[in-house]
Amino acid sequence: MIIQAGKLIGAGAATIAVGGAGAGIGTVFGRLVIGTARNPGMKNELFRLAILGFALTEAMALFGLIIAFLILFTF
């Protein structure tokens, strides 16, 4: 019973990465809007950087979910 409780607590802690990724994605695209408003000529370059930031941030969320599933469904 203690082991199952530890697994659930560990998996819950690992899924905190999803909330952080949501905040990170909001920050990335918010900064994209601000950067485009300040310098419309760099729109294409800023958008490419924003997509890269989105992909890296989303990858961290997926890593957190993978760890949570490994904690829950192994052993």
Protein backbone atom coordinates (compact mmCIF):
# COMPACT_ATOMS: atom_id res chain seq x y z
CA MET A 1 0.00 0.00 0.00
CA ILE A 2 2.86 2.38 0.84
CA ILE A 3 4.54 1.61 -2.49
CA GLN A 4 1.35 2.39 -4.43
CA ALA A 5 0.96 5.68 -2.54
CA GLY A 6 4.57 6.57 -3.31
CA LYS A 7 4.00 5.82 -7.00
CA LEU A 8 0.95 8.07 -7.12
CA ILE A 9 2.71 10.91 -5.33
CA GLY A 10 5.75 10.59 -7.61
CA ALA A 11 3.62 10.53 -10.75
CA GLY A 12 1.70 13.59 -9.57
CA ALA A 13 4.93 15.43 -8.92
CA ALA A 14 6.22 14.50 -12.38
CA THR A 15 3.12 15.92 -14.07
CA ILE A 16 3.85 19.37 -12.65
CA ALA A 17 6.00 19.76 -15.78
CA VAL A 18 2.80 20.04 -17.82
CA GLY A 19 1.73 23.15 -15.91
CA GLY A 20 5.17 24.66 -16.32
CA ALA A 21 5.06 23.96 -20.04
CA GLY A 22 1.71 25.73 -20.32
CA ALA A 23 3.17 28.79 -18.66
CA GLY A 24 6.26 28.59 -20.86
CA ILE A 25 4.25 28.36 -24.06
CA GLY A 26 2.17 31.35 -23.02
CA THR A 27 5.34 33.30 -22.34
CA VAL A 28 6.89 32.36 -25.69
CA PHE A 29 3.92 33.47 -27.75
CA GLY A 30 3.30 36.52 -25.59
CA ARG A 31 6.85 37.65 -26.26
CA LEU A 32 6.32 36.92 -29.95
CA VAL A 33 3.39 39.35 -30.01
CA ILE A 34 5.38 42.00 -28.16
CA GLY A 35 8.43 41.55 -30.40
CA THR A 36 6.33 41.73 -33.57
CA ALA A 37 4.57 44.86 -32.32
CA ARG A 38 7.91 46.55 -31.63
CA ASN A 39 9.63 45.49 -34.84
CA PRO A 40 7.27 44.24 -37.57
CA GLY A 41 10.15 43.81 -40.01
CA MET A 42 11.52 40.85 -38.02
CA LYS A 43 8.20 38.99 -37.99
CA ASN A 44 9.44 35.92 -39.89
CA GLU A 45 12.62 35.49 -37.83
CA LEU A 46 10.76 35.99 -34.55
CA PHE A 47 8.12 33.45 -35.60
CA ARG A 48 10.79 30.84 -36.38
CA LEU A 49 12.37 31.38 -32.98
CA ALA A 50 8.96 31.19 -31.30
CA ILE A 51 8.22 27.85 -32.97
CA LEU A 52 11.59 26.54 -31.77
CA GLY A 53 10.82 27.73 -28.23
CA PHE A 54 7.38 26.12 -28.42
CA ALA A 55 8.85 22.79 -29.53
CA LEU A 56 11.46 22.75 -26.76
CA THR A 57 8.93 23.72 -24.11
CA GLU A 58 6.45 21.10 -25.28
CA ALA A 59 9.21 18.49 -25.25
CA MET A 60 9.79 19.15 -21.55
CA ALA A 61 6.09 18.52 -20.88
CA LEU A 62 6.23 15.25 -22.78
CA PHE A 63 9.32 14.18 -20.84
CA GLY A 64 7.44 14.86 -17.60
CA LEU A 65 4.50 12.76 -18.76
CA ILE A 66 6.79 9.93 -19.83
CA ILE A 67 8.40 9.91 -16.39
CA ALA A 68 4.96 9.86 -14.75
CA PHE A 69 3.88 6.89 -16.87
CA LEU A 70 7.13 5.08 -16.13
CA ILE A 71 6.58 5.60 -12.42
CA LEU A 72 3.00 4.37 -12.58
CA PHE A 73 3.30 1.40 -14.91
CA THR A 74 6.64 -0.19 -14.06
CA PHE A 75 7.40 -2.62 -11.26
